[in-house]
N, C-alpha and C. Protein backbone atom coordinates (compact mmCIF):
# COMPACT_ATOMS: atom_id res chain seq x y z
N MET A 1 17.46 125.02 46.55
CA MET A 1 17.77 125.52 46.97
C MET A 1 18.99 124.94 47.63
N MET A 2 20.72 125.22 47.99
CA MET A 2 22.07 124.80 47.92
C MET A 2 22.46 124.32 49.20
N TRP A 3 22.77 122.82 49.23
CA TRP A 3 23.07 122.52 50.70
C TRP A 3 24.58 122.41 50.89
N GLY A 4 24.98 123.32 51.78
CA GLY A 4 26.09 123.06 52.52
C GLY A 4 26.88 124.50 52.15
N LYS A 5 25.89 125.55 51.61
CA LYS A 5 26.47 126.52 51.04
C LYS A 5 26.30 127.82 51.58
N THR A 6 25.84 127.77 52.58
CA THR A 6 24.85 128.96 53.75
C THR A 6 26.20 130.01 53.74
N LYS A 7 25.58 131.36 53.73
CA LYS A 7 27.00 132.22 53.37
C LYS A 7 26.39 133.39 55.00
N HIS A 8 27.34 132.96 56.25
CA HIS A 8 26.79 133.68 57.15
C HIS A 8 28.38 134.69 57.33
N LYS A 9 28.01 135.98 57.64
CA LYS A 9 28.96 137.38 57.90
C LYS A 9 28.84 137.20 59.34
N VAL A 10 30.45 137.01 59.88
CA VAL A 10 30.70 136.77 60.73
C VAL A 10 31.62 138.38 61.30
N HIS A 11 30.31 138.99 62.27
CA HIS A 11 31.24 140.39 62.91
C HIS A 11 32.75 140.83 63.10
N PRO A 12 33.78 140.74 63.34
CA PRO A 12 35.21 141.03 63.55
C PRO A 12 35.45 141.10 64.84
N MET A 13 34.21 141.35 65.71
CA MET A 13 34.55 141.61 67.12
C MET A 13 34.05 140.26 67.62
N ASP A 14 32.64 139.86 66.86
CA ASP A 14 32.40 138.68 67.34
C ASP A 14 34.00 137.28 67.13
N SER A 15 35.20 137.56 66.50
CA SER A 15 36.10 136.81 66.10
C SER A 15 37.30 137.27 67.47
N PHE A 16 37.04 138.14 67.65
CA PHE A 16 38.18 139.39 68.43
C PHE A 16 37.75 138.31 69.87
N GLN A 17 36.12 138.40 70.23
CA GLN A 17 35.63 138.05 72.00
C GLN A 17 36.15 136.63 71.94
N ALA A 18 35.45 135.67 70.36
CA ALA A 18 35.94 134.20 70.86
C ALA A 18 37.26 133.87 71.37
N SER A 19 38.45 134.77 70.57
CA SER A 19 39.84 134.57 70.61
C SER A 19 40.16 135.10 72.29
N LEU A 20 39.57 136.24 72.78
CA LEU A 20 39.71 136.60 74.31
C LEU A 20 39.41 135.32 75.00
N THR A 21 37.88 135.05 74.59
CA THR A 21 37.71 133.62 75.98
C THR A 21 39.00 132.68 75.66
N LEU A 22 38.91 132.28 74.41
CA LEU A 22 40.14 131.03 74.41
C LEU A 22 41.63 131.21 75.28
N ILE A 23 41.76 132.45 74.99
CA ILE A 23 42.84 132.92 75.98
C ILE A 23 43.05 132.54 77.01
N ALA A 24 41.68 133.66 77.36
CA ALA A 24 41.12 133.50 79.12
C ALA A 24 41.36 131.72 79.64
N LEU A 25 40.75 131.48 78.96
CA LEU A 25 39.97 129.84 79.37
C LEU A 25 42.01 129.20 79.51
N GLY A 26 42.60 129.13 78.49
CA GLY A 26 43.85 128.71 78.64
C GLY A 26 44.71 129.18 79.40
N PHE A 27 44.46 130.37 80.08
CA PHE A 27 45.29 131.06 81.34
C PHE A 27 45.33 130.20 82.33
N LEU A 28 43.64 130.24 82.35
CA LEU A 28 43.39 129.55 83.68
C LEU A 28 43.31 127.92 83.92
N LEU A 29 43.51 127.24 82.71
CA LEU A 29 43.88 126.23 82.71
C LEU A 29 45.36 125.88 83.37
N LEU A 30 45.82 127.10 82.09
CA LEU A 30 48.06 126.94 83.15
C LEU A 30 47.95 127.29 84.10
N THR A 31 47.14 128.15 84.78
CA THR A 31 47.58 128.16 86.25
C THR A 31 47.09 127.69 86.89
N ASN A 32 46.03 126.97 86.85
CA ASN A 32 45.70 125.77 87.75
C ASN A 32 46.62 124.73 87.59
N ALA A 33 47.03 124.24 86.63
CA ALA A 33 47.94 123.00 86.05
C ALA A 33 49.25 123.74 87.11
N CYS A 34 49.94 124.69 87.14
CA CYS A 34 50.77 124.69 87.38
C CYS A 34 50.88 124.99 89.46
N GLN A 35 50.06 124.59 89.86
CA GLN A 35 50.09 125.10 91.84
C GLN A 35 50.15 123.73 92.14
N SER A 36 51.11 123.63 93.28
CA SER A 36 51.53 122.71 93.81
C SER A 36 50.03 121.55 94.33
N PRO A 37 50.80 120.53 94.44
CA PRO A 37 49.55 119.56 95.13
C PRO A 37 49.34 119.84 97.02
N SER A 38 50.44 120.25 97.47
CA SER A 38 50.23 120.15 99.06
C SER A 38 49.49 122.13 98.81
N SER A 39 51.06 122.58 99.89
CA SER A 39 50.60 123.57 100.81
C SER A 39 50.39 124.67 99.05
N GLY A 40 51.20 124.66 98.17
CA GLY A 40 51.11 125.61 97.22
C GLY A 40 52.07 126.68 97.89
N GLU A 41 52.84 126.01 98.29
CA GLU A 41 54.37 126.75 98.68
C GLU A 41 55.73 126.16 97.50
N VAL A 42 56.43 127.35 97.36
CA VAL A 42 57.78 127.14 96.62
C VAL A 42 58.94 127.14 97.64
N THR A 43 59.95 126.60 97.62
CA THR A 43 60.52 126.94 98.92
C THR A 43 62.24 125.90 98.57
N THR A 44 63.55 126.20 98.60
CA THR A 44 64.42 125.96 98.41
C THR A 44 64.68 124.27 98.52
N SER A 45 63.39 123.90 99.53
CA SER A 45 63.56 122.94 99.72
C SER A 45 63.87 121.54 98.63
N LEU A 46 62.93 121.69 97.28
CA LEU A 46 62.55 120.98 96.67
C LEU A 46 63.98 121.14 95.56
N VAL A 47 64.98 121.98 96.11
CA VAL A 47 66.23 122.01 94.51
C VAL A 47 67.01 121.03 95.69
N HIS A 48 68.23 120.14 95.35
CA HIS A 48 69.01 119.34 95.55
C HIS A 48 70.47 119.47 94.43
N ILE A 49 70.86 120.72 95.40
CA ILE A 49 72.35 120.13 93.90
C ILE A 49 73.21 119.34 95.04
N GLU A 50 74.01 117.94 94.41
CA GLU A 50 74.58 116.86 95.36
C GLU A 50 76.32 117.66 95.20
N ALA A 51 77.07 118.15 94.96
CA ALA A 51 78.16 118.97 95.57
C ALA A 51 77.89 120.14 95.84
N SER A 52 77.34 120.63 96.79
CA SER A 52 77.53 122.28 97.46
C SER A 52 77.73 122.78 98.54
N ALA A 53 78.10 124.20 98.33
CA ALA A 53 78.51 124.68 99.52
C ALA A 53 77.67 124.53 100.85
N GLN A 54 76.49 124.38 100.93
CA GLN A 54 75.85 124.26 101.57
C GLN A 54 75.46 122.79 102.56
N ASP A 55 75.62 121.87 101.74
CA ASP A 55 75.97 121.00 102.37
C ASP A 55 77.07 120.83 103.31
N GLN A 56 78.48 121.24 102.73
CA GLN A 56 79.86 121.68 103.51
C GLN A 56 78.99 122.87 105.10
N ALA A 57 78.54 123.67 104.59
CA ALA A 57 77.94 124.69 105.68
C ALA A 57 76.98 123.59 106.34
N SER A 58 76.23 122.82 106.45
CA SER A 58 75.35 121.98 107.34
C SER A 58 76.09 121.14 107.55
N GLY A 59 77.25 121.03 107.56
CA GLY A 59 78.62 119.77 108.05
C GLY A 59 77.99 118.20 107.87
N ASN A 60 77.99 118.53 106.46
CA ASN A 60 77.95 117.38 105.36
C ASN A 60 78.89 116.48 105.51
N THR A 61 79.14 116.04 105.62
CA THR A 61 81.19 115.25 105.71
C THR A 61 81.07 114.25 104.39
N ARG A 62 80.45 114.14 103.60
CA ARG A 62 80.44 113.39 102.51
C ARG A 62 81.37 113.91 101.82
N PRO A 63 82.12 112.47 100.80
CA PRO A 63 83.36 113.45 100.10
C PRO A 63 82.81 113.76 99.17
N MET A 64 83.71 115.27 98.83
CA MET A 64 83.20 116.23 97.46
C MET A 64 85.01 115.44 97.14
N PRO A 65 84.65 116.62 95.72
CA PRO A 65 85.30 116.54 94.65
C PRO A 65 86.71 118.55 95.19
N ALA A 66 87.59 118.44 94.80
CA ALA A 66 87.95 119.81 94.73
C ALA A 66 88.54 120.30 92.86
N ILE A 67 88.75 121.22 93.14
CA ILE A 67 90.05 121.25 91.44
C ILE A 67 91.17 122.24 91.82
N THR A 68 92.14 121.70 91.17
CA THR A 68 93.15 122.50 91.78
C THR A 68 94.19 122.91 90.72
N PHE A 69 94.29 124.25 90.04
CA PHE A 69 94.61 124.15 89.12
C PHE A 69 96.15 124.75 89.09
N ILE A 70 97.27 124.26 88.28
CA ILE A 70 98.64 124.71 88.56
C ILE A 70 99.48 125.86 88.52
N ASP A 71 98.28 127.01 87.52
CA ASP A 71 97.98 128.23 87.26
C ASP A 71 96.62 128.64 87.19
N THR A 72 96.13 129.47 87.80
CA THR A 72 95.23 130.38 86.89
C THR A 72 95.28 131.48 86.43
N LEU A 73 96.60 132.07 85.60
CA LEU A 73 96.87 133.34 85.06
C LEU A 73 97.68 132.56 84.63
N LEU A 74 97.76 132.68 83.07
CA LEU A 74 99.11 132.35 82.11
C LEU A 74 98.92 133.89 81.18
N ASP A 75 100.32 134.33 81.13
CA ASP A 75 100.53 135.62 80.60
C ASP A 75 101.08 134.60 78.83
N LEU A 76 100.60 135.13 78.35
CA LEU A 76 101.30 135.25 76.92
C LEU A 76 102.04 135.90 76.15
N GLY A 77 102.47 137.09 77.24
CA GLY A 77 103.61 137.91 76.38
C GLY A 77 103.23 138.96 75.53
N ILE A 78 104.18 139.01 74.19
CA ILE A 78 103.89 139.89 73.55
C ILE A 78 103.58 139.53 72.11
N ILE A 79 102.39 139.45 71.64
CA ILE A 79 102.49 138.56 70.39
C ILE A 79 101.85 139.17 69.24
N ALA A 80 102.11 139.42 68.15
CA ALA A 80 101.96 140.19 66.75
C ALA A 80 100.17 139.79 66.68
N GLU A 81 100.01 140.54 66.23
CA GLU A 81 98.40 140.63 65.78
C GLU A 81 97.45 139.77 64.72
N GLY A 82 96.88 139.20 64.91
CA GLY A 82 96.68 137.99 63.75
C GLY A 82 96.99 136.64 64.35
N ASN A 83 98.27 136.29 65.16
CA ASN A 83 98.14 135.30 65.63
C ASN A 83 97.45 134.63 66.56
N THR A 84 97.15 133.33 66.12
CA THR A 84 96.42 132.65 67.28
C THR A 84 96.93 131.70 68.02
N GLN A 85 97.53 131.82 69.51
CA GLN A 85 97.67 131.39 70.50
C GLN A 85 97.03 130.25 71.37
N GLU A 86 97.55 129.27 71.30
CA GLU A 86 96.43 127.85 71.79
C GLU A 86 97.77 127.92 74.18
N MET A 87 97.27 128.02 74.47
CA MET A 87 97.23 127.48 75.87
C MET A 87 96.74 126.67 76.53
N THR A 88 97.25 125.71 77.84
CA THR A 88 96.40 124.55 78.51
C THR A 88 96.52 125.07 80.32
N PHE A 89 95.63 124.56 80.19
CA PHE A 89 95.66 124.94 81.68
C PHE A 89 95.62 123.72 82.82
N PRO A 90 96.49 123.34 83.18
CA PRO A 90 96.26 121.89 83.84
C PRO A 90 95.48 122.04 85.00
N PHE A 91 95.26 120.86 85.39
CA PHE A 91 94.34 121.03 86.73
C PHE A 91 94.23 119.43 87.33
N TYR A 92 94.24 119.24 88.63
CA TYR A 92 94.07 118.00 89.77
C TYR A 92 92.95 117.99 90.17
N ASN A 93 92.17 117.24 90.37
CA ASN A 93 91.36 116.44 91.26
C ASN A 93 91.58 116.31 92.38
N THR A 94 91.66 117.18 93.58
CA THR A 94 92.67 117.15 94.93
C THR A 94 91.66 116.35 95.71
N GLY A 95 90.39 116.34 95.89
CA GLY A 95 89.27 116.24 96.35
C GLY A 95 89.34 114.75 96.71
N LYS A 96 87.99 113.96 97.44
CA LYS A 96 87.79 112.24 97.76
C LYS A 96 86.40 112.27 96.38
N ALA A 97 86.01 112.86 95.81
CA ALA A 97 84.98 112.42 94.94
C ALA A 97 85.26 112.34 93.58
N PRO A 98 84.74 111.87 92.55
CA PRO A 98 85.33 112.29 91.35
C PRO A 98 84.63 113.61 90.47
N LEU A 99 85.03 114.70 90.50
CA LEU A 99 85.33 115.70 89.59
C LEU A 99 84.70 115.76 88.08
N VAL A 100 83.53 116.68 88.17
CA VAL A 100 82.92 116.80 86.86
C VAL A 100 83.11 117.83 86.20
N LEU A 101 83.21 118.45 84.76
CA LEU A 101 83.59 119.97 84.66
C LEU A 101 81.86 119.66 83.64
N ALA A 102 81.49 120.80 84.33
CA ALA A 102 79.98 121.02 83.68
C ALA A 102 79.95 121.80 81.92
N ASP A 103 80.80 122.90 82.61
CA ASP A 103 81.33 123.76 81.27
C ASP A 103 82.14 124.78 81.38
N VAL A 104 82.98 125.43 80.35
CA VAL A 104 83.68 125.76 80.30
C VAL A 104 83.26 127.00 78.96
N SER A 105 82.70 128.38 79.63
CA SER A 105 82.88 129.70 78.61
C SER A 105 84.37 130.71 79.19
N THR A 106 84.14 131.55 77.85
CA THR A 106 84.92 132.51 77.71
C THR A 106 84.41 133.64 77.63
N SER A 107 85.04 134.94 77.94
CA SER A 107 84.67 136.10 78.43
C SER A 107 84.03 136.71 77.18
N CYS A 108 85.09 136.38 75.91
CA CYS A 108 84.78 137.42 74.86
C CYS A 108 85.16 136.52 73.98
N GLY A 109 84.36 135.83 72.66
CA GLY A 109 84.29 135.65 71.41
C GLY A 109 85.74 135.38 70.62
N CYS A 110 86.90 136.07 71.22
CA CYS A 110 88.26 136.01 70.72
C CYS A 110 88.66 134.61 71.28
N THR A 111 87.96 134.28 72.39
CA THR A 111 89.05 133.21 73.31
C THR A 111 87.80 132.60 73.34
N VAL A 112 88.59 131.01 72.46
CA VAL A 112 87.55 129.60 72.96
C VAL A 112 88.60 128.63 73.53
N ALA A 113 87.64 128.09 74.51
CA ALA A 113 87.81 126.55 75.15
C ALA A 113 87.48 125.66 74.60
N ASN A 114 88.39 124.79 73.73
CA ASN A 114 88.59 124.13 72.34
C ASN A 114 88.37 123.20 73.32
N ASP A 115 89.32 122.69 74.18
CA ASP A 115 89.31 121.09 74.71
C ASP A 115 89.17 120.78 76.02
N TRP A 116 88.36 120.38 76.51
CA TRP A 116 88.10 120.14 78.26
C TRP A 116 87.46 118.80 78.11
N PRO A 117 88.12 118.29 79.68
CA PRO A 117 87.71 116.67 79.83
C PRO A 117 85.82 116.74 80.23
N LYS A 118 85.44 115.49 79.24
CA LYS A 118 83.89 115.35 79.33
C LYS A 118 83.27 114.18 80.29
N THR A 119 84.45 113.75 80.65
CA THR A 119 84.29 112.33 81.59
C THR A 119 84.94 113.14 83.55
N ALA A 120 84.80 112.10 84.05
CA ALA A 120 84.47 112.34 85.40
C ALA A 120 86.15 111.93 85.97
N ILE A 121 86.67 113.09 86.14
CA ILE A 121 88.20 112.66 86.75
C ILE A 121 88.18 112.10 88.19
N ALA A 122 88.75 111.22 88.31
CA ALA A 122 89.16 110.55 89.78
C ALA A 122 90.04 111.19 90.62
N PRO A 123 89.95 110.93 91.99
CA PRO A 123 90.53 111.75 93.29
C PRO A 123 91.75 111.50 92.67
N GLY A 124 93.00 112.53 92.91
CA GLY A 124 94.26 112.16 92.19
C GLY A 124 93.98 111.99 90.90
N GLN A 125 94.07 112.28 90.41
CA GLN A 125 94.35 112.15 88.95
C GLN A 125 93.66 113.72 88.34
N GLY A 126 94.11 113.93 87.19
CA GLY A 126 94.09 115.32 86.71
C GLY A 126 94.31 115.83 85.19
N SER A 127 93.94 116.66 84.32
CA SER A 127 93.61 116.89 83.14
C SER A 127 93.65 118.09 83.01
N GLU A 128 93.37 118.75 81.50
CA GLU A 128 93.71 119.85 80.85
C GLU A 128 92.68 120.58 80.56
N ILE A 129 92.91 121.94 79.77
CA ILE A 129 91.86 122.59 79.11
C ILE A 129 92.29 123.24 79.16
N THR A 130 92.17 123.11 77.13
CA THR A 130 92.74 124.18 76.33
C THR A 130 92.09 125.31 75.88
N VAL A 131 92.31 126.29 75.49
CA VAL A 131 92.21 127.65 75.22
C VAL A 131 92.78 128.53 74.09
N ARG A 132 91.99 128.74 73.09
CA ARG A 132 92.39 129.37 71.87
C ARG A 132 92.35 130.82 71.74
N PHE A 133 93.23 132.17 71.91
CA PHE A 133 93.46 133.03 71.68
C PHE A 133 93.43 133.55 70.69
N ASP A 134 92.85 134.48 69.70
CA ASP A 134 92.70 135.12 68.30
C ASP A 134 92.73 136.29 68.78
N SER A 135 94.44 136.89 68.18
CA SER A 135 94.64 137.95 68.48
C SER A 135 94.04 139.19 67.23
N GLN A 136 93.71 138.60 66.07
CA GLN A 136 92.95 139.33 65.30
C GLN A 136 92.27 140.30 65.68
N GLY A 137 92.54 141.74 65.30
CA GLY A 137 91.56 142.75 65.88
C GLY A 137 91.81 143.20 66.73
N ARG A 138 92.54 142.58 68.18
CA ARG A 138 92.73 142.90 69.51
C ARG A 138 94.01 143.67 70.21
N PRO A 139 94.69 144.69 68.78
CA PRO A 139 95.84 145.71 69.29
C PRO A 139 95.80 146.08 70.89
N GLY A 140 96.68 145.99 71.79
CA GLY A 140 96.66 146.48 73.06
C GLY A 140 96.76 145.36 73.86
N GLU A 141 96.62 145.98 75.17
CA GLU A 141 96.55 144.31 76.67
C GLU A 141 95.21 144.43 76.22
N ASN A 142 95.43 142.56 76.66
CA ASN A 142 94.52 141.92 76.37
C ASN A 142 94.26 141.14 77.85
N ARG A 143 92.68 141.08 78.28
CA ARG A 143 92.86 140.20 79.23
C ARG A 143 91.38 139.28 79.30
N LYS A 144 91.17 138.04 79.02
CA LYS A 144 90.60 137.47 78.65
C LYS A 144 90.31 135.77 79.70
N GLU A 145 88.85 136.03 80.59
CA GLU A 145 88.78 135.29 81.54
C GLU A 145 88.08 134.36 81.01
N ILE A 146 88.83 132.99 81.45
CA ILE A 146 87.66 131.55 81.16
C ILE A 146 87.01 130.96 82.90
N PHE A 147 85.76 130.75 82.17
CA PHE A 147 85.21 129.96 83.56
C PHE A 147 84.70 128.47 83.50
N VAL A 148 85.24 128.31 84.61
CA VAL A 148 85.50 127.02 84.79
C VAL A 148 83.94 126.15 85.90
N VAL A 149 83.10 125.63 85.10
CA VAL A 149 81.88 125.08 85.73
C VAL A 149 81.88 123.89 86.32
N SER A 150 82.04 123.53 87.41
CA SER A 150 82.54 122.10 88.11
C SER A 150 81.20 121.68 89.05
N ASN A 151 81.27 120.22 89.56
CA ASN A 151 80.97 120.24 90.90
C ASN A 151 82.27 120.33 91.99
N ALA A 152 82.69 121.25 91.96
CA ALA A 152 83.68 120.87 93.14
C ALA A 152 83.27 122.69 94.01
N THR A 153 83.64 122.79 95.21
CA THR A 153 83.23 124.11 95.84
C THR A 153 84.09 124.94 95.72
N PRO A 154 84.86 125.86 95.34
CA PRO A 154 83.20 126.39 95.18
C PRO A 154 82.61 126.45 93.09
N SER A 155 81.79 126.69 93.13
CA SER A 155 81.32 125.80 91.43
C SER A 155 82.01 126.24 90.40
N THR A 156 82.03 127.11 90.25
CA THR A 156 82.76 128.36 89.41
C THR A 156 84.46 129.37 89.66
N THR A 157 85.38 128.60 88.78
CA THR A 157 86.55 128.75 88.80
C THR A 157 86.88 129.81 87.65
N THR A 158 87.52 130.91 87.74
CA THR A 158 87.87 131.67 86.97
C THR A 158 88.92 131.39 86.97
N LEU A 159 89.69 131.94 85.60
CA LEU A 159 91.43 131.73 85.11
C LEU A 159 91.03 132.79 83.97
N VAL A 160 92.56 133.08 84.03
CA VAL A 160 92.78 134.79 83.28
C VAL A 160 93.94 133.80 82.06
N MET A 161 93.21 134.61 81.10
CA MET A 161 95.15 134.10 80.08
C MET A 161 95.20 136.48 80.02
N THR A 162 96.30 136.50 79.99
CA THR A 162 96.90 138.34 79.44
C THR A 162 97.15 138.27 77.87
N ALA A 163 98.04 138.74 77.17
CA ALA A 163 98.72 139.33 75.79
C ALA A 163 98.41 140.33 75.95
N ASP A 164 100.06 141.28 74.97
CA ASP A 164 99.82 142.55 75.02
C ASP A 164 100.22 141.90 73.39
N VAL A 165 99.20 142.65 72.95
CA VAL A 165 99.41 142.19 71.32
C VAL A 165 99.63 143.36 70.34
N ILE A 166 100.64 143.46 69.51
CA ILE A 166 101.26 144.32 69.14
C ILE A 166 100.67 144.73 67.21
N GLY A 167 100.30 145.44 66.86
CA GLY A 167 99.31 145.33 65.78
C GLY A 167 100.57 146.27 64.58
N PRO A 168 100.71 146.51 63.41
CA PRO A 168 101.54 147.31 62.65
C PRO A 168 101.20 148.61 62.50
N SER A 169 102.62 149.47 62.77
CA SER A 169 102.52 150.27 63.09
C SER A 169 101.97 151.62 61.80
N ARG A 170 101.69 152.79 62.28
CA ARG A 170 100.74 153.55 60.84
C ARG A 170 101.34 154.49 60.76
């Protein structure tokens, strides 16, 4: 007799049923773990955003930041295809609380927000957002949007860059 070397044939259906049982047990555990300990009701009162329009609408008068751009539209004019143009969008915090830029993104991969402040801007202070436009493969009229997300109200400001890119004549 050989110890420890017993051979058992496991039917494929037995393995499948065991897997299903484990999945069902895991699902039940996760479902119960995600239940709210109180009434089980999820409401917007669980979400608190420091600087939002909701605070202003409810009459809260605490100091708020405000972002004011010198220009929200920059026209690069006519540029030759293949050139890269860099532009800046200067802005000021015209509010009464520190302004924080959470994100700066663009509508197209040909336009990149290179440089923007990562620290709070005090009331009355200013800074700028630097954006680079690559005209390669973009002949014709171009309109690119830059989305600035901040703790001001409204939380997103849209900047626009336009350019007329001329390519080689064919």
